[in-house]
Amino acid sequence: MTEQTHSPHPQGGARTEVLFVEDDDVIREATQLALERVGFTVTAMPDGLSGLEAFRARRPDIALLDVMVPGMDGVSLCRRIRDESTVPVIMLSARADAIDVVLGLEAGADDYVTKPFDGAVLVARLRAVMRRFGHASGPPSADGEPGDEGALAGGGLLRFGALEVDTDGMEVRRDGEQVALTPTEMRLLLEFSSAPGTVLSRDKLLERVWDYGWGGDTRVVDVHVQRLRTKIGQDRIETVRGFGYKLRA
């Protein structure tokens, strides 16, 4: 996977560029105006194929993709974007069906919003995603004796069996091989590795990783935990039924 790096945009140096893919003309135009009114730069496209072309040409800071668009659906477009970049992706769905949500998240989306949505809620969600992507930081130092699993092994290196988490370099290795994580997956792993053996509830993870100041859909957490497990080892994160998840130290 080719990882994307962002440079500051010329409009004031701090404007966030959004790729917005939506086939409904009214929703597309109204949402574009609403986002531009609060300071976002928006490239709006009516279908998945033009959305992919715009993504490759513009290299936006974030992608906002409707699930049901012609040419290439939003889930397929998300997969194509994720093959090329770790840019944050939010899915939009007119249906609250679990399958829509899960498919989008499994394709690599970081979050989702159900239509019809309130403009202020969408703006808040976009800003929350950009905050957590723009201010990634390592977890508090873990306590432990040198050589213990989960102890700091020098600098910001944490070890959990065959898993190594470099909190300074933001890198993860499993059995010595580097593991490619999205920023959301990395933040999730950092939360677990900052308190190995401690059960973290889904609500707590939503608050810390997704920056929700309100109740969110815990399916976001469940799908991301499963994606993380496939990369770092299925048995490394344990489900504690009725309470949440914990990292095995």
Protein backbone atom coordinates (compact mmCIF):
# COMPACT_ATOMS: atom_id res chain seq x y z
CA MET A 1 0.00 0.00 0.00
CA THR A 2 1.28 3.44 -0.94
CA GLU A 3 0.93 5.77 1.99
CA GLN A 4 -0.22 9.31 1.34
CA THR A 5 1.38 12.36 2.87
CA HIS A 6 -0.43 15.67 3.07
CA SER A 7 1.01 19.13 2.58
CA PRO A 8 -0.72 22.29 3.82
CA HIS A 9 -3.29 23.67 1.44
CA PRO A 10 -2.73 27.16 0.04
CA GLN A 11 -6.00 28.59 1.34
CA GLY A 12 -4.70 29.92 4.65
CA GLY A 13 -2.57 26.83 5.18
CA ALA A 14 -5.09 25.16 7.49
CA ARG A 15 -8.18 24.50 5.36
CA THR A 16 -9.32 20.90 5.19
CA GLU A 17 -10.06 19.55 1.72
CA VAL A 18 -12.99 17.14 1.55
CA LEU A 19 -13.81 14.75 -1.30
CA PHE A 20 -17.59 14.37 -1.24
CA VAL A 21 -19.20 11.66 -3.40
CA GLU A 22 -23.01 11.80 -3.54
CA ASP A 23 -25.37 11.14 -6.47
CA ASP A 24 -28.35 13.14 -5.19
CA ASP A 25 -27.96 16.63 -6.68
CA VAL A 26 -29.87 18.41 -3.93
CA ILE A 27 -27.99 16.70 -1.08
CA ARG A 28 -24.65 17.11 -2.83
CA GLU A 29 -25.06 20.84 -3.49
CA ALA A 30 -26.61 21.66 -0.11
CA THR A 31 -23.96 19.71 1.81
CA GLN A 32 -21.13 21.24 -0.22
CA LEU A 33 -22.41 24.74 0.53
CA ALA A 34 -22.83 23.92 4.22
CA LEU A 35 -19.27 22.58 4.50
CA GLU A 36 -17.74 25.45 2.55
CA ARG A 37 -19.62 27.93 4.74
CA VAL A 38 -17.74 26.70 7.81
CA GLY A 39 -14.33 26.67 6.11
CA PHE A 40 -13.89 23.33 4.35
CA THR A 41 -12.73 23.10 0.75
CA VAL A 42 -15.01 20.63 -1.04
CA THR A 43 -14.60 18.63 -4.24
CA ALA A 44 -18.03 17.12 -4.95
CA MET A 45 -18.57 14.25 -7.39
CA PRO A 46 -21.80 12.44 -8.46
CA ASP A 47 -20.49 8.88 -8.85
CA GLY A 48 -17.81 6.50 -7.68
CA LEU A 49 -15.64 6.50 -10.80
CA SER A 50 -15.35 10.29 -10.95
CA GLY A 51 -14.82 10.22 -7.19
CA LEU A 52 -11.82 7.91 -7.60
CA GLU A 53 -10.38 10.14 -10.32
CA ALA A 54 -10.86 13.21 -8.12
CA PHE A 55 -9.23 11.45 -5.18
CA ARG A 56 -6.14 10.63 -7.21
CA ALA A 57 -5.96 14.13 -8.67
CA ARG A 58 -6.72 16.14 -5.52
CA ARG A 59 -5.36 13.94 -2.70
CA PRO A 60 -7.90 15.35 -0.21
CA ASP A 61 -7.54 15.37 3.57
CA ILE A 62 -10.72 13.36 4.11
CA ALA A 63 -13.26 11.45 2.00
CA LEU A 64 -17.03 11.56 2.58
CA LEU A 65 -18.64 8.77 0.56
CA ASP A 66 -22.27 7.83 0.07
CA VAL A 67 -22.77 4.06 0.05
CA MET A 68 -25.23 3.96 -2.87
CA VAL A 69 -23.65 5.84 -5.78
CA PRO A 70 -23.56 4.73 -9.45
CA GLY A 71 -20.55 3.55 -11.42
CA MET A 72 -18.69 2.29 -8.37
CA ASP A 73 -20.51 2.06 -5.05
CA GLY A 74 -19.16 3.80 -1.99
CA VAL A 75 -17.94 0.61 -0.32
CA SER A 76 -15.90 -0.36 -3.40
CA LEU A 77 -14.57 3.19 -3.67
CA CYS A 78 -13.55 3.07 -0.01
CA ARG A 79 -11.60 -0.14 -0.67
CA ARG A 80 -9.81 1.46 -3.63
CA ILE A 81 -8.92 4.53 -1.58
CA ARG A 82 -7.70 2.37 1.30
CA ASP A 83 -5.44 0.43 -1.09
CA GLU A 84 -3.67 3.69 -1.89
CA SER A 85 -3.92 5.81 1.24
CA THR A 86 -4.61 6.02 4.96
CA VAL A 87 -6.68 9.19 4.49
CA PRO A 88 -9.71 9.16 6.83
CA VAL A 89 -12.99 8.00 5.29
CA ILE A 90 -16.54 8.59 6.52
CA MET A 91 -19.39 6.68 4.90
CA LEU A 92 -22.90 8.08 4.39
CA SER A 93 -25.85 5.69 4.25
CA ALA A 94 -29.56 6.34 3.72
CA ARG A 95 -30.26 3.09 5.54
CA ALA A 96 -29.44 2.16 9.11
CA ASP A 97 -29.14 -1.52 8.19
CA ALA A 98 -26.32 -3.26 10.00
CA ILE A 99 -25.00 -4.70 6.73
CA ASP A 100 -24.44 -1.20 5.28
CA VAL A 101 -22.57 -0.08 8.36
CA VAL A 102 -20.46 -3.22 8.69
CA LEU A 103 -19.56 -3.41 4.98
CA GLY A 104 -18.37 0.19 4.99
CA LEU A 105 -16.30 -0.26 8.12
CA GLU A 106 -14.83 -3.56 6.93
CA ALA A 107 -13.84 -1.83 3.69
CA GLY A 108 -11.66 0.50 5.75
CA ALA A 109 -13.95 3.40 6.67
CA ASP A 110 -13.19 5.12 9.95
CA ASP A 111 -16.73 6.22 10.76
CA TYR A 112 -20.20 6.54 9.25
CA VAL A 113 -23.19 8.90 9.34
CA THR A 114 -26.78 7.86 8.61
CA LYS A 115 -28.93 10.01 6.30
CA PRO A 116 -30.87 12.17 6.73
CA PHE A 117 -28.29 13.95 8.84
CA ASP A 118 -28.16 17.31 10.56
CA GLY A 119 -25.54 19.58 8.97
CA ALA A 120 -24.12 20.55 12.35
CA VAL A 121 -23.72 16.87 13.30
CA LEU A 122 -21.88 16.13 10.04
CA VAL A 123 -19.54 19.09 10.55
CA ALA A 124 -18.87 17.97 14.14
CA ARG A 125 -18.10 14.44 12.96
CA LEU A 126 -15.73 15.68 10.26
CA ARG A 127 -13.93 17.92 12.73
CA ALA A 128 -13.69 15.11 15.27
CA VAL A 129 -12.07 12.83 12.68
CA MET A 130 -9.59 15.51 11.63
CA ARG A 131 -8.70 16.30 15.25
CA ARG A 132 -7.78 12.74 16.02
CA PHE A 133 -5.91 12.27 12.76
CA GLY A 134 -4.02 15.53 13.14
CA HIS A 135 -3.01 15.12 16.77
CA ALA A 136 -1.93 11.50 17.14
CA SER A 137 0.14 10.94 20.24
CA GLY A 138 1.45 8.00 22.15
CA PRO A 139 -0.09 6.57 25.30
CA PRO A 140 1.15 7.24 28.81
CA SER A 141 4.31 5.34 29.72
CA ALA A 142 3.65 1.85 31.00
CA ASP A 143 5.14 0.71 34.26
CA GLY A 144 7.16 -2.46 34.56
CA GLU A 145 10.60 -3.91 34.90
CA PRO A 146 12.87 -4.09 31.84
CA GLY A 147 12.22 -7.31 29.93
CA ASP A 148 8.64 -7.70 31.22
CA GLU A 149 5.95 -8.03 28.57
CA GLY A 150 4.19 -4.69 28.25
CA ALA A 151 7.12 -2.82 29.77
CA LEU A 152 8.88 0.00 27.97
CA ALA A 153 11.86 -1.61 26.29
CA GLY A 154 13.70 1.65 25.64
CA GLY A 155 12.32 4.89 24.25
CA GLY A 156 8.68 4.35 23.35
CA LEU A 157 8.89 0.65 22.54
CA LEU A 158 6.25 -1.60 24.11
CA ARG A 159 6.40 -5.38 23.83
CA PHE A 160 3.52 -7.83 24.18
CA GLY A 161 4.82 -11.26 23.26
CA ALA A 162 5.63 -11.19 19.53
CA LEU A 163 3.97 -7.78 19.19
CA GLU A 164 6.03 -4.56 19.35
CA VAL A 165 4.45 -1.12 19.50
CA ASP A 166 6.76 1.85 18.87
CA THR A 167 4.83 4.79 20.36
CA ASP A 168 7.47 7.30 19.24
CA GLY A 169 7.76 6.19 15.63
CA MET A 170 4.09 5.13 15.41
CA GLU A 171 5.08 1.72 14.05
CA VAL A 172 3.93 -1.80 14.89
CA ARG A 173 5.79 -5.05 14.30
CA ARG A 174 4.62 -8.63 14.69
CA ASP A 175 7.30 -11.32 14.76
CA GLY A 176 9.71 -8.67 13.51
CA GLU A 177 7.58 -7.81 10.47
CA GLN A 178 6.08 -4.36 10.18
CA VAL A 179 2.27 -4.23 10.40
CA ALA A 180 0.42 -1.59 8.35
CA LEU A 181 -2.32 0.02 10.43
CA THR A 182 -4.67 2.85 9.57
CA PRO A 183 -4.51 5.85 11.93
CA THR A 184 -7.75 4.75 13.61
CA GLU A 185 -6.41 1.23 14.14
CA MET A 186 -3.19 2.72 15.52
CA ARG A 187 -5.05 4.91 17.98
CA LEU A 188 -7.12 1.93 19.07
CA LEU A 189 -3.99 -0.15 19.67
CA LEU A 190 -2.37 2.72 21.58
CA GLU A 191 -5.36 2.84 23.93
CA PHE A 192 -5.08 -0.89 24.59
CA SER A 193 -1.30 -0.84 24.96
CA SER A 194 -1.40 2.06 27.43
CA ALA A 195 -3.28 -0.18 29.87
CA PRO A 196 -2.56 -3.85 29.07
CA GLY A 197 -4.80 -6.26 30.94
CA THR A 198 -7.33 -3.52 31.70
CA VAL A 199 -10.83 -3.93 30.29
CA LEU A 200 -11.89 -0.95 28.17
CA SER A 201 -15.59 -0.59 27.48
CA ARG A 202 -16.93 0.16 24.01
CA ASP A 203 -18.25 3.52 25.23
CA LYS A 204 -14.83 4.43 26.65
CA LEU A 205 -13.15 3.49 23.37
CA LEU A 206 -15.68 5.58 21.42
CA GLU A 207 -14.84 8.54 23.64
CA ARG A 208 -11.06 8.14 23.48
CA VAL A 209 -10.50 6.91 19.92
CA TRP A 210 -13.45 8.35 17.98
CA ASP A 211 -13.70 11.54 20.06
CA TYR A 212 -17.44 11.15 20.57
CA GLY A 213 -18.86 13.59 23.08
CA TRP A 214 -22.18 11.79 22.69
CA GLY A 215 -23.38 8.22 22.46
CA GLY A 216 -22.21 6.47 19.33
CA ASP A 217 -22.82 3.16 17.58
CA THR A 218 -20.58 0.57 19.20
CA ARG A 219 -20.49 -1.44 15.97
CA VAL A 220 -17.75 0.99 14.93
CA VAL A 221 -15.64 -0.31 17.81
CA ASP A 222 -16.44 -3.98 17.21
CA VAL A 223 -15.50 -3.91 13.52
CA HIS A 224 -12.27 -2.01 14.15
CA VAL A 225 -11.28 -4.41 16.92
CA GLN A 226 -11.82 -7.31 14.53
CA ARG A 227 -9.77 -5.59 11.82
CA LEU A 228 -7.01 -4.95 14.34
CA ARG A 229 -7.07 -8.58 15.48
CA THR A 230 -6.49 -9.84 11.93
CA LYS A 231 -3.31 -7.75 11.80
CA ILE A 232 -1.79 -8.22 15.26
CA GLY A 233 -3.12 -11.69 16.12
CA GLN A 234 -6.62 -12.92 16.91
CA ASP A 235 -5.75 -13.88 20.49
CA ARG A 236 -3.96 -10.61 21.39
CA ILE A 237 -7.20 -8.71 22.14
CA GLU A 238 -9.61 -10.54 24.39
CA THR A 239 -13.37 -9.99 24.50
CA VAL A 240 -14.75 -9.68 28.02
CA ARG A 241 -18.45 -10.35 27.51
CA GLY A 242 -20.71 -7.65 28.85
CA PHE A 243 -17.82 -5.28 29.56
CA GLY A 244 -15.57 -4.68 26.56
CA TYR A 245 -12.07 -5.63 25.40
CA LYS A 246 -8.59 -5.90 26.84
CA LEU A 247 -5.08 -6.38 25.47
CA ARG A 248 -3.40 -9.51 26.76
CA ALA A 249 -0.16 -8.47 28.40
